[in-house]
C-alpha atoms as a PDB file:
ATOM      1  CA  MET A   1      23.758  54.522  18.434  1.00  0.00           C
ATOM      2  CA  THR A   2      21.459  51.637  17.512  1.00  0.00           C
ATOM      3  CA  THR A   3      22.198  48.905  14.994  1.00  0.00           C
ATOM      4  CA  SER A   4      19.619  50.313  12.561  1.00  0.00           C
ATOM      5  CA  GLU A   5      21.349  53.715  12.711  1.00  0.00           C
ATOM      6  CA  ILE A   6      24.739  52.105  11.959  1.00  0.00           C
ATOM      7  CA  ILE A   7      23.403  50.091   9.001  1.00  0.00           C
ATOM      8  CA  LYS A   8      21.173  52.843   7.538  1.00  0.00           C
ATOM      9  CA  THR A   9      22.512  54.120   4.217  1.00  0.00           C
ATOM     10  CA  PRO A  10      22.984  57.898   4.249  1.00  0.00           C
ATOM     11  CA  GLN A  11      20.885  59.968   1.847  1.00  0.00           C
ATOM     12  CA  TRP A  12      23.895  61.066  -0.244  1.00  0.00           C
ATOM     13  CA  ALA A  13      24.912  57.404  -0.728  1.00  0.00           C
ATOM     14  CA  GLU A  14      21.393  56.442  -1.835  1.00  0.00           C
ATOM     15  CA  GLU A  15      21.478  59.279  -4.373  1.00  0.00           C
ATOM     16  CA  ALA A  16      24.907  58.157  -5.645  1.00  0.00           C
ATOM     17  CA  ILE A  17      23.690  54.562  -5.900  1.00  0.00           C
ATOM     18  CA  GLY A  18      20.663  55.732  -7.909  1.00  0.00           C
ATOM     19  CA  LYS A  19      22.858  57.724 -10.325  1.00  0.00           C
ATOM     20  CA  ILE A  20      25.301  54.836 -10.741  1.00  0.00           C
ATOM     21  CA  SER A  21      22.415  52.416 -11.329  1.00  0.00           C
ATOM     22  CA  LEU A  22      21.022  54.674 -14.070  1.00  0.00           C
ATOM     23  CA  ALA A  23      24.462  54.958 -15.667  1.00  0.00           C
ATOM     24  CA  MET A  24      24.864  51.173 -15.593  1.00  0.00           C
ATOM     25  CA  SER A  25      21.489  50.739 -17.265  1.00  0.00           C
ATOM     26  CA  ALA A  26      22.585  53.222 -19.928  1.00  0.00           C
ATOM     27  CA  ILE A  27      25.818  51.261 -20.460  1.00  0.00           C
ATOM     28  CA  ALA A  28      23.860  48.025 -20.915  1.00  0.00           C
ATOM     29  CA  GLU A  29      21.559  49.778 -23.391  1.00  0.00           C
ATOM     30  CA  LYS A  30      24.558  51.208 -25.289  1.00  0.00           C
ATOM     31  CA  ALA A  31      26.180  47.751 -25.392  1.00  0.00           C
ATOM     32  CA  THR A  32      23.017  46.366 -26.994  1.00  0.00           C
ATOM     33  CA  GLN A  33      22.972  49.218 -29.532  1.00  0.00           C
ATOM     34  CA  MET A  34      26.673  48.713 -30.291  1.00  0.00           C
ATOM     35  CA  ALA A  35      26.118  44.966 -30.833  1.00  0.00           C
ATOM     36  CA  THR A  36      23.218  45.658 -33.190  1.00  0.00           C
ATOM     37  CA  LEU A  37      25.271  48.171 -35.212  1.00  0.00           C
ATOM     38  CA  TYR A  38      28.204  45.768 -35.395  1.00  0.00           C
ATOM     39  CA  VAL A  39      26.045  42.932 -36.750  1.00  0.00           C
ATOM     40  CA  GLN A  40      24.363  45.227 -39.266  1.00  0.00           C
ATOM     41  CA  ALA A  41      27.794  46.261 -40.562  1.00  0.00           C
ATOM     42  CA  LEU A  42      28.960  42.609 -40.700  1.00  0.00           C
ATOM     43  CA  ASP A  43      25.833  41.599 -42.589  1.00  0.00           C
ATOM     44  CA  ARG A  44      26.442  44.380 -45.079  1.00  0.00           C
ATOM     45  CA  ASP A  45      30.099  43.408 -45.583  1.00  0.00           C
ATOM     46  CA  PRO A  46      31.754  40.418 -43.855  1.00  0.00           C
ATOM     47  CA  MET A  47      35.100  42.248 -44.245  1.00  0.00           C
ATOM     48  CA  PHE A  48      33.881  44.824 -41.697  1.00  0.00           C
ATOM     49  CA  ASN A  49      35.428  42.609 -39.031  1.00  0.00           C
ATOM     50  CA  MET A  50      38.876  43.315 -40.521  1.00  0.00           C
ATOM     51  CA  TYR A  51      38.171  47.032 -40.985  1.00  0.00           C
ATOM     52  CA  ILE A  52      37.202  47.555 -37.357  1.00  0.00           C
ATOM     53  CA  ARG A  53      40.092  45.473 -36.026  1.00  0.00           C
ATOM     54  CA  ASP A  54      42.502  47.621 -38.044  1.00  0.00           C
ATOM     55  CA  ALA A  55      40.816  50.786 -36.775  1.00  0.00           C
ATOM     56  CA  MET A  56      40.831  49.578 -33.136  1.00  0.00           C
ATOM     57  CA  PRO A  57      43.837  47.244 -32.762  1.00  0.00           C
ATOM     58  CA  THR A  58      43.928  47.428 -28.947  1.00  0.00           C
ATOM     59  CA  ILE A  59      40.509  45.765 -28.593  1.00  0.00           C
ATOM     60  CA  PRO A  60      40.966  41.982 -28.192  1.00  0.00           C
ATOM     61  CA  GLY A  61      39.414  39.593 -30.700  1.00  0.00           C
ATOM     62  CA  GLY A  62      37.269  37.944 -28.032  1.00  0.00           C
ATOM     63  CA  PHE A  63      35.376  41.198 -27.563  1.00  0.00           C
ATOM     64  CA  TRP A  64      34.373  41.312 -31.242  1.00  0.00           C
ATOM     65  CA  ARG A  65      33.280  37.654 -31.231  1.00  0.00           C
ATOM     66  CA  ARG A  66      31.107  38.245 -28.168  1.00  0.00           C
ATOM     67  CA  LEU A  67      29.742  41.470 -29.624  1.00  0.00           C
ATOM     68  CA  GLU A  68      28.599  39.600 -32.739  1.00  0.00           C
ATOM     69  CA  LYS A  69      26.985  36.888 -30.610  1.00  0.00           C
ATOM     70  CA  ALA A  70      25.201  39.596 -28.610  1.00  0.00           C
ATOM     71  CA  GLY A  71      24.027  41.344 -31.773  1.00  0.00           C
ATOM     72  CA  ARG A  72      22.641  38.073 -33.099  1.00  0.00           C
ATOM     73  CA  GLY A  73      20.795  37.408 -29.833  1.00  0.00           C
ATOM     74  CA  GLN A  74      22.953  34.430 -28.870  1.00  0.00           C
ATOM     75  CA  ILE A  75      24.301  35.988 -25.656  1.00  0.00           C
ATOM     76  CA  ASP A  76      23.415  38.854 -23.336  1.00  0.00           C
ATOM     77  CA  ALA A  77      25.163  42.034 -24.536  1.00  0.00           C
ATOM     78  CA  ARG A  78      26.740  42.583 -21.108  1.00  0.00           C
ATOM     79  CA  LEU A  79      28.976  39.559 -21.721  1.00  0.00           C
ATOM     80  CA  ALA A  80      30.694  41.405 -24.575  1.00  0.00           C
ATOM     81  CA  SER A  81      31.850  44.149 -22.235  1.00  0.00           C
ATOM     82  CA  GLY A  82      33.730  41.974 -19.781  1.00  0.00           C
ATOM     83  CA  ALA A  83      31.247  40.534 -17.324  1.00  0.00           C
ATOM     84  CA  PRO A  84      32.891  38.178 -14.804  1.00  0.00           C
ATOM     85  CA  TYR A  85      33.166  34.591 -16.040  1.00  0.00           C
ATOM     86  CA  ALA A  86      31.884  35.519 -19.511  1.00  0.00           C
ATOM     87  CA  THR A  87      33.673  32.496 -21.005  1.00  0.00           C
ATOM     88  CA  TYR A  88      31.482  30.199 -18.893  1.00  0.00           C
ATOM     89  CA  LEU A  89      28.268  32.136 -19.371  1.00  0.00           C
ATOM     90  CA  GLU A  90      28.404  32.580 -23.142  1.00  0.00           C
ATOM     91  CA  ARG A  91      27.895  28.822 -23.640  1.00  0.00           C
ATOM     92  CA  MET A  92      24.652  28.856 -21.645  1.00  0.00           C
ATOM     93  CA  PRO A  93      21.108  29.743 -22.679  1.00  0.00           C
ATOM     94  CA  ILE A  94      20.390  33.471 -22.391  1.00  0.00           C
ATOM     95  CA  SER A  95      17.931  32.832 -19.541  1.00  0.00           C
ATOM     96  CA  GLU A  96      20.731  31.312 -17.438  1.00  0.00           C
ATOM     97  CA  GLN A  97      23.124  34.094 -18.460  1.00  0.00           C
ATOM     98  CA  ARG A  98      20.643  36.664 -17.180  1.00  0.00           C
ATOM     99  CA  THR A  99      20.028  34.715 -13.981  1.00  0.00           C
ATOM    100  CA  ALA A 100      23.761  34.769 -13.293  1.00  0.00           C
ATOM    101  CA  LEU A 101      24.186  38.431 -14.276  1.00  0.00           C
ATOM    102  CA  ASP A 102      21.110  39.841 -12.524  1.00  0.00           C
ATOM    103  CA  GLY A 103      20.337  37.524  -9.660  1.00  0.00           C
ATOM    104  CA  GLN A 104      21.914  35.078  -7.334  1.00  0.00           C
ATOM    105  CA  ILE A 105      23.328  31.624  -7.977  1.00  0.00           C
ATOM    106  CA  GLU A 106      23.009  28.618  -5.686  1.00  0.00           C
ATOM    107  CA  MET A 107      26.428  27.480  -4.461  1.00  0.00           C
ATOM    108  CA  LEU A 108      27.019  24.400  -2.333  1.00  0.00           C
ATOM    109  CA  THR A 109      29.554  24.765   0.473  1.00  0.00           C
ATOM    110  CA  GLY A 110      31.897  22.087   1.782  1.00  0.00           C
ATOM    111  CA  THR A 111      29.582  21.643   4.781  1.00  0.00           C
ATOM    112  CA  GLY A 112      26.577  20.897   2.561  1.00  0.00           C
ATOM    113  CA  ASP A 113      24.888  24.274   3.015  1.00  0.00           C
ATOM    114  CA  THR A 114      23.541  26.091  -0.025  1.00  0.00           C
ATOM    115  CA  LEU A 115      24.305  29.793  -0.357  1.00  0.00           C
ATOM    116  CA  LEU A 116      22.835  32.313  -2.767  1.00  0.00           C
ATOM    117  CA  VAL A 117      25.769  34.261  -4.204  1.00  0.00           C
ATOM    118  CA  ARG A 118      26.258  36.968  -6.787  1.00  0.00           C
ATOM    119  CA  LEU A 119      28.433  36.339  -9.819  1.00  0.00           C
ATOM    120  CA  HIS A 120      31.150  38.823  -8.874  1.00  0.00           C
ATOM    121  CA  THR A 121      31.677  37.180  -5.465  1.00  0.00           C
ATOM    122  CA  LEU A 122      32.650  33.788  -6.916  1.00  0.00           C
ATOM    123  CA  THR A 123      36.291  32.806  -6.726  1.00  0.00           C
ATOM    124  CA  PRO A 124      37.737  31.068  -9.807  1.00  0.00           C
ATOM    125  CA  GLU A 125      37.660  27.731  -7.945  1.00  0.00           C
ATOM    126  CA  LYS A 126      33.998  28.180  -7.002  1.00  0.00           C
ATOM    127  CA  ALA A 127      33.151  29.227 -10.584  1.00  0.00           C
ATOM    128  CA  ILE A 128      34.499  25.879 -11.806  1.00  0.00           C
ATOM    129  CA  GLN A 129      32.255  24.174  -9.255  1.00  0.00           C
ATOM    130  CA  VAL A 130      29.130  26.186 -10.118  1.00  0.00           C
ATOM    131  CA  PHE A 131      29.392  26.322 -13.923  1.00  0.00           C
ATOM    132  CA  ALA A 132      29.188  23.242 -16.120  1.00  0.00           C
ATOM    133  CA  LEU A 133      30.077  23.510 -19.806  1.00  0.00           C
ATOM    134  CA  ASP A 134      26.603  24.641 -20.832  1.00  0.00           C
ATOM    135  CA  HIS A 135      24.578  25.406 -17.698  1.00  0.00           C
ATOM    136  CA  ILE A 136      24.629  26.438 -14.044  1.00  0.00           C
ATOM    137  CA  ARG A 137      24.973  23.321 -11.918  1.00  0.00           C
ATOM    138  CA  THR A 138      22.233  22.564  -9.419  1.00  0.00           C
ATOM    139  CA  PRO A 139      23.325  21.989  -5.802  1.00  0.00           C
ATOM    140  CA  GLU A 140      22.955  18.226  -6.433  1.00  0.00           C
ATOM    141  CA  GLU A 141      25.234  18.436  -9.488  1.00  0.00           C
ATOM    142  CA  GLN A 142      27.711  20.504  -7.471  1.00  0.00           C
ATOM    143  CA  LYS A 143      27.765  17.816  -4.778  1.00  0.00           C
ATOM    144  CA  VAL A 144      28.553  15.128  -7.365  1.00  0.00           C
ATOM    145  CA  TRP A 145      31.240  17.397  -8.879  1.00  0.00           C
ATOM    146  CA  MET A 146      32.801  17.995  -5.444  1.00  0.00           C
ATOM    147  CA  GLU A 147      32.776  14.264  -4.609  1.00  0.00           C
ATOM    148  CA  THR A 148      34.271  13.342  -7.993  1.00  0.00           C
ATOM    149  CA  ARG A 149      37.002  15.938  -7.544  1.00  0.00           C
ATOM    150  CA  ALA A 150      37.785  14.675  -4.028  1.00  0.00           C
ATOM    151  CA  ASP A 151      37.957  11.079  -5.319  1.00  0.00           C
ATOM    152  CA  LYS A 152      40.352  12.143  -8.082  1.00  0.00           C
ATOM    153  CA  GLU A 153      42.562  14.036  -5.628  1.00  0.00           C
ATOM    154  CA  ARG A 154      42.706  10.994  -3.328  1.00  0.00           C
ATOM    155  CA  ALA A 155      43.575   8.714  -6.248  1.00  0.00           C
ATOM    156  CA  ASP A 156      46.267  11.130  -7.451  1.00  0.00           C
ATOM    157  CA  SER A 157      47.749  11.324  -3.945  1.00  0.00           C
ATOM    158  CA  ALA A 158      47.783   7.533  -3.615  1.00  0.00           C
ATOM    159  CA  LYS A 159      49.395   7.173  -7.043  1.00  0.00           C
ATOM    160  CA  LYS A 160      52.045   9.724  -6.158  1.00  0.00           C
ATOM    161  CA  ALA A 161      52.731   8.021  -2.815  1.00  0.00           C
ATOM    162  CA  ARG A 162      53.149   4.631  -4.528  1.00  0.00           C
ATOM    163  CA  ARG A 163      55.436   6.150  -7.118  1.00  0.00           C
ATOM    164  CA  ASN A 164      57.622   7.775  -4.489  1.00  0.00           C
ATOM    165  CA  HIS A 165      58.170   4.700  -2.317  1.00  0.00           C
ATOM    166  CA  SER A 166      58.246   1.000  -2.989  1.00  0.00           C
ATOM    167  CA  SER A 167      58.663   0.845  -6.760  1.00  0.00           C
ATOM    168  CA  VAL A 168      62.334   1.937  -6.865  1.00  0.00           C
ATOM    169  CA  GLU A 169      65.392   0.178  -5.408  1.00  0.00           C
ATOM    170  CA  ILE A 170      68.819   1.811  -5.491  1.00  0.00           C
ATOM    171  CA  ASN A 171      72.005  -0.277  -5.276  1.00  0.00           C
ATOM    172  CA  LYS A 172      74.896   2.185  -4.980  1.00  0.00           C
ATOM    173  CA  SER A 173      77.632  -0.477  -4.955  1.00  0.00           C
ATOM    174  CA  LYS A 174      76.524  -1.830  -8.351  1.00  0.00           C
ATOM    175  CA  LYS A 175      75.404   1.634  -9.513  1.00  0.00           C
ATOM    176  CA  LEU A 176      72.013   0.156 -10.301  1.00  0.00           C
ATOM    177  CA  VAL A 177      68.465   1.546 -10.121  1.00  0.00           C
ATOM    178  CA  THR A 178      65.740  -1.106 -10.254  1.00  0.00           C
ATOM    179  CA  PHE A 179      62.068  -0.370 -10.859  1.00  0.00           C
ATOM    180  CA  THR A 180      59.958  -3.105  -9.268  1.00  0.00           C
ATOM    181  CA  GLU A 181      56.741  -2.067 -11.000  1.00  0.00           C
ATOM    182  CA  PRO A 182      55.773   0.090 -13.982  1.00  0.00           C
ATOM    183  CA  ILE A 183      56.441   3.723 -13.182  1.00  0.00           C
ATOM    184  CA  THR A 184      56.244   7.056 -14.949  1.00  0.00           C
ATOM    185  CA  LEU A 185      58.925   9.605 -14.135  1.00  0.00           C
ATOM    186  CA  THR A 186      59.621  13.162 -15.110  1.00  0.00           C
ATOM    187  CA  VAL A 187      63.089  13.960 -16.424  1.00  0.00           C
ATOM    188  CA  ALA A 188      63.865  15.701 -13.129  1.00  0.00           C
ATOM    189  CA  GLU A 189      62.876  12.584 -11.142  1.00  0.00           C
ATOM    190  CA  LEU A 190      64.974  10.364 -13.395  1.00  0.00           C
ATOM    191  CA  MET A 191      67.967  12.657 -12.936  1.00  0.00           C
ATOM    192  CA  GLU A 192      67.477  12.562  -9.160  1.00  0.00           C
ATOM    193  CA  TYR A 193      67.674   8.745  -9.155  1.00  0.00           C
ATOM    194  CA  ALA A 194      70.813   8.903 -11.308  1.00  0.00           C
ATOM    195  CA  ARG A 195      72.342  11.370  -8.849  1.00  0.00           C
ATOM    196  CA  LYS A 196      71.478   9.118  -5.884  1.00  0.00           C
ATOM    197  CA  VAL A 197      73.056   6.044  -7.445  1.00  0.00           C
ATOM    198  CA  MET A 198      76.238   7.957  -8.276  1.00  0.00           C
ATOM    199  CA  GLU A 199      76.760   9.258  -4.691  1.00  0.00           C
END
């Protein structure tokens, strides 16, 4: 069996993919229609929001907010129905929302390579790297973000190391704890020093 025979998609799978693709397109179209109807009802009576929430109490409030945004053309309608990372995408221009939903996003790796990835393949940590508050970060912006994060982690580690070592002296005979420099402690850490001095 050749590699091309192993990779070739069987006819039945291609047919299933075609049917699923059509159904997904229909869902996207229905989401747009639903958003339009929702906004029309809201414009007729702002209390409609309360009526529909009472009629459908299991639907979370975030869905209705996104549906209104979609109906007013502020976000892509697919974000209302639970697209991955919708909370990031809804703050971006619609063109960037559609790029993320339909295409591939540039993602910088730790080795400096740039990969083109689909939205659903991003881990939560990578989503934080790729998405800024209001846009998709360029690879250059991602590099700066990664360097800033690494600098912060190093500073936090150094601060924690300083806090855990030279700034505290314990004199058990006098039952005395001395802090040789300003230090911030959690209650648990403070209790641990009290326990040590009482031993």
